[in-house]
C-alpha atoms as a PDB file:
ATOM      1  CA  UNK A   1       0.000   0.000   0.000  1.00  0.00           C
ATOM      2  CA  UNK A   2       2.876   2.358   0.755  1.00  0.00           C
ATOM      3  CA  UNK A   3       4.410   1.653  -2.659  1.00  0.00           C
ATOM      4  CA  UNK A   4       1.071   2.379  -4.350  1.00  0.00           C
ATOM      5  CA  UNK A   5       0.959   5.720  -2.546  1.00  0.00           C
ATOM      6  CA  UNK A   6       4.513   6.445  -3.710  1.00  0.00           C
ATOM      7  CA  UNK A   7       3.453   5.811  -7.300  1.00  0.00           C
ATOM      8  CA  UNK A   8       0.516   8.180  -6.904  1.00  0.00           C
ATOM      9  CA  UNK A   9       2.417  10.962  -5.136  1.00  0.00           C
ATOM     10  CA  UNK A  10       5.800  10.746  -6.868  1.00  0.00           C
ATOM     11  CA  UNK A  11       4.921   9.712 -10.403  1.00  0.00           C
ATOM     12  CA  UNK A  12       1.462  11.200 -10.904  1.00  0.00           C
ATOM     13  CA  UNK A  13       1.707  14.269  -8.648  1.00  0.00           C
ATOM     14  CA  UNK A  14       5.321  14.979  -9.568  1.00  0.00           C
ATOM     15  CA  UNK A  15       6.669  15.247  -6.033  1.00  0.00           C
ATOM     16  CA  UNK A  16      10.385  14.379  -6.010  1.00  0.00           C
ATOM     17  CA  UNK A  17      13.626  15.359  -4.352  1.00  0.00           C
ATOM     18  CA  UNK A  18      14.682  17.534  -7.298  1.00  0.00           C
ATOM     19  CA  UNK A  19      11.535  19.667  -7.540  1.00  0.00           C
ATOM     20  CA  UNK A  20      10.578  20.162  -3.875  1.00  0.00           C
ATOM     21  CA  UNK A  21      13.211  18.468  -1.699  1.00  0.00           C
ATOM     22  CA  UNK A  22      11.987  19.444   1.772  1.00  0.00           C
ATOM     23  CA  UNK A  23       8.376  18.603   1.025  1.00  0.00           C
ATOM     24  CA  UNK A  24       9.596  15.285  -0.372  1.00  0.00           C
ATOM     25  CA  UNK A  25      11.581  14.607   2.833  1.00  0.00           C
ATOM     26  CA  UNK A  26       8.514  15.297   4.966  1.00  0.00           C
ATOM     27  CA  UNK A  27       6.341  13.076   2.787  1.00  0.00           C
ATOM     28  CA  UNK A  28       8.833  10.180   2.749  1.00  0.00           C
ATOM     29  CA  UNK A  29       9.296  10.225   6.527  1.00  0.00           C
ATOM     30  CA  UNK A  30       5.574  10.615   7.198  1.00  0.00           C
ATOM     31  CA  UNK A  31       4.612   7.793   4.834  1.00  0.00           C
ATOM     32  CA  UNK A  32       7.113   5.408   6.429  1.00  0.00           C
ATOM     33  CA  UNK A  33       5.934   6.287   9.942  1.00  0.00           C
ATOM     34  CA  UNK A  34       2.224   5.988   9.166  1.00  0.00           C
ATOM     35  CA  UNK A  35       2.356   2.731   7.221  1.00  0.00           C
ATOM     36  CA  UNK A  36       4.909   0.904   9.364  1.00  0.00           C
ATOM     37  CA  UNK A  37       3.477   1.889  12.738  1.00  0.00           C
ATOM     38  CA  UNK A  38      -0.106   1.305  11.602  1.00  0.00           C
ATOM     39  CA  UNK A  39       0.933  -2.116  10.332  1.00  0.00           C
ATOM     40  CA  UNK A  40       2.631  -2.825  13.636  1.00  0.00           C
ATOM     41  CA  UNK A  41      -0.457  -1.678  15.541  1.00  0.00           C
ATOM     42  CA  UNK A  42      -2.850  -3.817  13.484  1.00  0.00           C
ATOM     43  CA  UNK A  43      -0.586  -6.863  13.731  1.00  0.00           C
ATOM     44  CA  UNK A  44      -0.282  -6.655  17.513  1.00  0.00           C
ATOM     45  CA  UNK A  45      -3.915  -5.809  18.169  1.00  0.00           C
ATOM     46  CA  UNK A  46      -5.445  -8.472  15.939  1.00  0.00           C
ATOM     47  CA  UNK A  47      -3.044 -11.040  14.454  1.00  0.00           C
ATOM     48  CA  UNK A  48      -0.821 -11.430  17.526  1.00  0.00           C
ATOM     49  CA  UNK A  49      -3.627 -11.035  20.033  1.00  0.00           C
ATOM     50  CA  UNK A  50      -3.229 -14.499  21.590  1.00  0.00           C
ATOM     51  CA  UNK A  51       0.580 -14.394  21.633  1.00  0.00           C
ATOM     52  CA  UNK A  52       1.274 -10.758  22.408  1.00  0.00           C
ATOM     53  CA  UNK A  53       3.850 -10.685  25.192  1.00  0.00           C
ATOM     54  CA  UNK A  54       7.269  -9.167  25.796  1.00  0.00           C
ATOM     55  CA  UNK A  55       9.380 -11.938  24.130  1.00  0.00           C
ATOM     56  CA  UNK A  56       7.202 -11.986  21.003  1.00  0.00           C
ATOM     57  CA  UNK A  57       7.288  -8.193  20.841  1.00  0.00           C
ATOM     58  CA  UNK A  58      11.072  -8.308  20.916  1.00  0.00           C
ATOM     59  CA  UNK A  59      11.068 -10.881  18.119  1.00  0.00           C
ATOM     60  CA  UNK A  60       8.654  -8.722  16.134  1.00  0.00           C
ATOM     61  CA  UNK A  61      11.046  -5.775  16.281  1.00  0.00           C
ATOM     62  CA  UNK A  62      14.077  -7.925  15.496  1.00  0.00           C
ATOM     63  CA  UNK A  63      12.233  -9.554  12.596  1.00  0.00           C
ATOM     64  CA  UNK A  64      11.062  -6.244  11.146  1.00  0.00           C
ATOM     65  CA  UNK A  65      14.516  -4.690  11.367  1.00  0.00           C
ATOM     66  CA  UNK A  66      16.226  -7.897  10.256  1.00  0.00           C
ATOM     67  CA  UNK A  67      14.137  -8.306   7.115  1.00  0.00           C
ATOM     68  CA  UNK A  68      14.796  -4.654   6.228  1.00  0.00           C
ATOM     69  CA  UNK A  69      18.508  -5.259   6.741  1.00  0.00           C
ATOM     70  CA  UNK A  70      18.390  -8.221   4.352  1.00  0.00           C
ATOM     71  CA  UNK A  71      16.334  -6.442   1.689  1.00  0.00           C
ATOM     72  CA  UNK A  72      17.988  -3.014   1.880  1.00  0.00           C
ATOM     73  CA  UNK A  73      21.504  -3.838   3.006  1.00  0.00           C
ATOM     74  CA  UNK A  74      22.179  -7.467   2.214  1.00  0.00           C
ATOM     75  CA  UNK A  75      20.858  -7.555  -1.348  1.00  0.00           C
ATOM     76  CA  UNK A  76      22.595  -4.320  -2.314  1.00  0.00           C
ATOM     77  CA  UNK A  77      25.819  -5.638  -0.785  1.00  0.00           C
ATOM     78  CA  UNK A  78      25.545  -8.837  -2.820  1.00  0.00           C
ATOM     79  CA  UNK A  79      24.858  -6.782  -5.944  1.00  0.00           C
ATOM     80  CA  UNK A  80      27.936  -4.643  -5.298  1.00  0.00           C
ATOM     81  CA  UNK A  81      30.064  -7.748  -4.706  1.00  0.00           C
ATOM     82  CA  UNK A  82      28.899  -9.380  -7.957  1.00  0.00           C
ATOM     83  CA  UNK A  83      29.562  -6.157  -9.881  1.00  0.00           C
ATOM     84  CA  UNK A  84      33.025  -5.877  -8.339  1.00  0.00           C
ATOM     85  CA  UNK A  85      33.896  -9.452  -9.323  1.00  0.00           C
ATOM     86  CA  UNK A  86      32.658  -8.870 -12.864  1.00  0.00           C
ATOM     87  CA  UNK A  87      34.701  -5.667 -13.184  1.00  0.00           C
ATOM     88  CA  UNK A  88      37.887  -7.254 -11.843  1.00  0.00           C
ATOM     89  CA  UNK A  89      37.532 -10.338 -14.034  1.00  0.00           C
ATOM     90  CA  UNK A  90      36.809  -8.340 -17.196  1.00  0.00           C
ATOM     91  CA  UNK A  91      33.324  -9.818 -17.609  1.00  0.00           C
ATOM     92  CA  UNK A  92      31.698  -6.423 -17.079  1.00  0.00           C
ATOM     93  CA  UNK A  93      33.553  -4.984 -20.077  1.00  0.00           C
ATOM     94  CA  UNK A  94      32.128  -7.725 -22.297  1.00  0.00           C
ATOM     95  CA  UNK A  95      28.638  -7.106 -20.901  1.00  0.00           C
ATOM     96  CA  UNK A  96      28.879  -3.365 -21.542  1.00  0.00           C
ATOM     97  CA  UNK A  97      30.114  -3.948 -25.065  1.00  0.00           C
ATOM     98  CA  UNK A  98      26.902  -5.808 -25.881  1.00  0.00           C
ATOM     99  CA  UNK A  99      24.713  -2.902 -24.712  1.00  0.00           C
ATOM    100  CA  UNK A 100      23.653   0.167 -26.706  1.00  0.00           C
ATOM    101  CA  UNK A 101      25.970   3.122 -26.118  1.00  0.00           C
ATOM    102  CA  UNK A 102      23.451   5.090 -24.022  1.00  0.00           C
ATOM    103  CA  UNK A 103      22.656   2.116 -21.775  1.00  0.00           C
ATOM    104  CA  UNK A 104      26.349   1.312 -21.405  1.00  0.00           C
ATOM    105  CA  UNK A 105      27.126   4.895 -20.352  1.00  0.00           C
ATOM    106  CA  UNK A 106      24.306   4.867 -17.797  1.00  0.00           C
ATOM    107  CA  UNK A 107      25.555   1.566 -16.381  1.00  0.00           C
ATOM    108  CA  UNK A 108      29.112   2.871 -16.079  1.00  0.00           C
ATOM    109  CA  UNK A 109      27.809   6.000 -14.357  1.00  0.00           C
ATOM    110  CA  UNK A 110      25.939   3.863 -11.819  1.00  0.00           C
ATOM    111  CA  UNK A 111      28.886   1.522 -11.269  1.00  0.00           C
ATOM    112  CA  UNK A 112      31.295   4.407 -10.779  1.00  0.00           C
ATOM    113  CA  UNK A 113      30.092   4.668  -7.179  1.00  0.00           C
ATOM    114  CA  UNK A 114      32.002   1.446  -6.483  1.00  0.00           C
ATOM    115  CA  UNK A 115      35.372   3.116  -7.066  1.00  0.00           C
ATOM    116  CA  UNK A 116      34.553   6.766  -6.291  1.00  0.00           C
ATOM    117  CA  UNK A 117      32.936   6.179  -2.880  1.00  0.00           C
ATOM    118  CA  UNK A 118      35.427   6.195   0.025  1.00  0.00           C
ATOM    119  CA  UNK A 119      35.869   2.650   1.333  1.00  0.00           C
ATOM    120  CA  UNK A 120      34.761   3.394   4.945  1.00  0.00           C
ATOM    121  CA  UNK A 121      31.351   4.548   3.673  1.00  0.00           C
ATOM    122  CA  UNK A 122      30.518   1.007   2.593  1.00  0.00           C
ATOM    123  CA  UNK A 123      30.500   0.045   6.271  1.00  0.00           C
ATOM    124  CA  UNK A 124      28.076   2.846   7.078  1.00  0.00           C
ATOM    125  CA  UNK A 125      25.131   0.913   5.657  1.00  0.00           C
ATOM    126  CA  UNK A 126      25.842  -1.908   8.108  1.00  0.00           C
ATOM    127  CA  UNK A 127      25.895   0.511  11.034  1.00  0.00           C
ATOM    128  CA  UNK A 128      22.682   2.059   9.755  1.00  0.00           C
ATOM    129  CA  UNK A 129      20.981  -1.343   9.698  1.00  0.00           C
ATOM    130  CA  UNK A 130      22.036  -1.997  13.297  1.00  0.00           C
ATOM    131  CA  UNK A 131      20.463   1.320  14.274  1.00  0.00           C
ATOM    132  CA  UNK A 132      17.324   0.401  12.340  1.00  0.00           C
ATOM    133  CA  UNK A 133      16.973  -2.925  14.169  1.00  0.00           C
ATOM    134  CA  UNK A 134      17.372  -1.183  17.541  1.00  0.00           C
ATOM    135  CA  UNK A 135      14.789   1.413  16.498  1.00  0.00           C
ATOM    136  CA  UNK A 136      12.280  -1.214  15.387  1.00  0.00           C
ATOM    137  CA  UNK A 137      12.629  -3.050  18.682  1.00  0.00           C
ATOM    138  CA  UNK A 138      11.996   0.181  20.588  1.00  0.00           C
ATOM    139  CA  UNK A 139       9.020   1.145  18.420  1.00  0.00           C
ATOM    140  CA  UNK A 140       7.580  -2.372  18.725  1.00  0.00           C
ATOM    141  CA  UNK A 141       7.760  -2.077  22.504  1.00  0.00           C
ATOM    142  CA  UNK A 142       5.997   1.280  22.383  1.00  0.00           C
ATOM    143  CA  UNK A 143       3.169  -0.089  20.237  1.00  0.00           C
ATOM    144  CA  UNK A 144       3.026  -3.120  22.540  1.00  0.00           C
ATOM    145  CA  UNK A 145       2.612  -0.757  25.488  1.00  0.00           C
ATOM    146  CA  UNK A 146      -0.132   1.092  23.588  1.00  0.00           C
ATOM    147  CA  UNK A 147      -2.056  -2.100  22.838  1.00  0.00           C
ATOM    148  CA  UNK A 148      -1.695  -3.396  26.395  1.00  0.00           C
ATOM    149  CA  UNK A 149      -2.475  -0.071  28.083  1.00  0.00           C
ATOM    150  CA  UNK A 150      -5.628  -0.149  30.150  1.00  0.00           C
ATOM    151  CA  UNK A 151      -6.347   3.560  29.828  1.00  0.00           C
ATOM    152  CA  UNK A 152      -7.370   4.955  26.444  1.00  0.00           C
ATOM    153  CA  UNK A 153      -5.396   8.166  27.012  1.00  0.00           C
ATOM    154  CA  UNK A 154      -2.212   6.242  27.806  1.00  0.00           C
ATOM    155  CA  UNK A 155      -2.677   4.027  24.758  1.00  0.00           C
ATOM    156  CA  UNK A 156      -3.212   7.021  22.471  1.00  0.00           C
ATOM    157  CA  UNK A 157      -0.217   8.905  23.871  1.00  0.00           C
ATOM    158  CA  UNK A 158       2.107   5.900  23.505  1.00  0.00           C
ATOM    159  CA  UNK A 159       0.953   5.179  19.950  1.00  0.00           C
ATOM    160  CA  UNK A 160       1.354   8.822  18.907  1.00  0.00           C
ATOM    161  CA  UNK A 161       4.798   8.804  20.509  1.00  0.00           C
ATOM    162  CA  UNK A 162       5.805   5.834  18.339  1.00  0.00           C
ATOM    163  CA  UNK A 163       4.515   7.549  15.188  1.00  0.00           C
ATOM    164  CA  UNK A 164       6.291  10.775  16.106  1.00  0.00           C
ATOM    165  CA  UNK A 165       9.642   9.159  16.876  1.00  0.00           C
ATOM    166  CA  UNK A 166       9.523   7.160  13.644  1.00  0.00           C
ATOM    167  CA  UNK A 167       8.816  10.328  11.652  1.00  0.00           C
ATOM    168  CA  UNK A 168      11.592  12.329  13.340  1.00  0.00           C
ATOM    169  CA  UNK A 169      14.240   9.622  12.880  1.00  0.00           C
ATOM    170  CA  UNK A 170      13.314   9.017   9.235  1.00  0.00           C
ATOM    171  CA  UNK A 171      13.161  12.745   8.460  1.00  0.00           C
ATOM    172  CA  UNK A 172      16.585  13.266  10.028  1.00  0.00           C
ATOM    173  CA  UNK A 173      17.971  10.309   8.048  1.00  0.00           C
ATOM    174  CA  UNK A 174      16.689  11.464   4.645  1.00  0.00           C
ATOM    175  CA  UNK A 175      17.020  15.240   5.052  1.00  0.00           C
ATOM    176  CA  UNK A 176      20.179  15.316   7.153  1.00  0.00           C
ATOM    177  CA  UNK A 177      22.680  14.547   4.342  1.00  0.00           C
ATOM    178  CA  UNK A 178      21.705  17.824   2.684  1.00  0.00           C
ATOM    179  CA  UNK A 179      23.150  19.701   5.663  1.00  0.00           C
ATOM    180  CA  UNK A 180      25.403  17.384   7.677  1.00  0.00           C
ATOM    181  CA  UNK A 181      28.205  14.839   7.024  1.00  0.00           C
ATOM    182  CA  UNK A 182      27.053  11.235   6.737  1.00  0.00           C
ATOM    183  CA  UNK A 183      28.961  10.245   9.879  1.00  0.00           C
ATOM    184  CA  UNK A 184      27.036  12.799  11.929  1.00  0.00           C
ATOM    185  CA  UNK A 185      23.774  11.481  10.490  1.00  0.00           C
ATOM    186  CA  UNK A 186      24.562   7.881  11.406  1.00  0.00           C
ATOM    187  CA  UNK A 187      25.653   8.799  14.930  1.00  0.00           C
ATOM    188  CA  UNK A 188      22.478  10.830  15.377  1.00  0.00           C
ATOM    189  CA  UNK A 189      20.257   7.996  14.128  1.00  0.00           C
ATOM    190  CA  UNK A 190      21.997   5.504  16.420  1.00  0.00           C
ATOM    191  CA  UNK A 191      21.581   7.783  19.448  1.00  0.00           C
ATOM    192  CA  UNK A 192      17.881   8.312  18.706  1.00  0.00           C
ATOM    193  CA  UNK A 193      17.324   4.586  18.135  1.00  0.00           C
ATOM    194  CA  UNK A 194      19.087   3.619  21.354  1.00  0.00           C
ATOM    195  CA  UNK A 195      17.219   6.354  23.235  1.00  0.00           C
ATOM    196  CA  UNK A 196      13.908   5.041  21.908  1.00  0.00           C
ATOM    197  CA  UNK A 197      14.691   1.526  23.104  1.00  0.00           C
ATOM    198  CA  UNK A 198      15.781   2.682  26.557  1.00  0.00           C
ATOM    199  CA  UNK A 199      12.716   4.896  26.912  1.00  0.00           C
ATOM    200  CA  UNK A 200      10.370   2.084  25.832  1.00  0.00           C
ATOM    201  CA  UNK A 201      11.903  -0.266  28.391  1.00  0.00           C
ATOM    202  CA  UNK A 202      11.594   2.291  31.165  1.00  0.00           C
ATOM    203  CA  UNK A 203       8.030   3.362  30.412  1.00  0.00           C
ATOM    204  CA  UNK A 204       6.433   0.424  32.211  1.00  0.00           C
ATOM    205  CA  UNK A 205       7.239  -1.903  35.062  1.00  0.00           C
ATOM    206  CA  UNK A 206       9.368  -4.843  33.928  1.00  0.00           C
ATOM    207  CA  UNK A 207       6.988  -7.332  35.519  1.00  0.00           C
ATOM    208  CA  UNK A 208       4.136  -5.814  33.511  1.00  0.00           C
ATOM    209  CA  UNK A 209       6.141  -6.376  30.315  1.00  0.00           C
END
């Protein structure tokens, strides 16, 4: 559903990072927060109703962050590794030779990131995924607290808190590189993710969890 909204907003409405960057950053962060936290809320309130406890909530957060790490980090890493092996073995040159000139130039432009990007930056994606897993655990615990809360006001506050934190972290992650070095961004995301987890753990009594 989120991807369908992206198609509608980005392709049909023309919202993109080139035309209106800050509006695009707000939209991207808001869409991620709304869809992911709503999905988490629905899953815990209905699908996990009989098994919703602290251990399963932890596994939910680890699973969510872990699958993202595989899809966003692992697959791109494998793709980069395959491309590197093809370039070093000379197979990539043969592949490019079989392509039309325009396609070959576009491919070379995309692959150039492999040798123009500073080597330490390739490790940044791994650190980012660790932060994401920590964040998803913390957000899962917050939504768990919201579902389990006896008072409607407490439940609403905790759920809104999860939505808000998700939006802030995502907005900082996508908009930050326009103003700050990537290392500052990753440190900031890690601090916010760790803070979210600590806060979620401290919000309720451990025996209640």
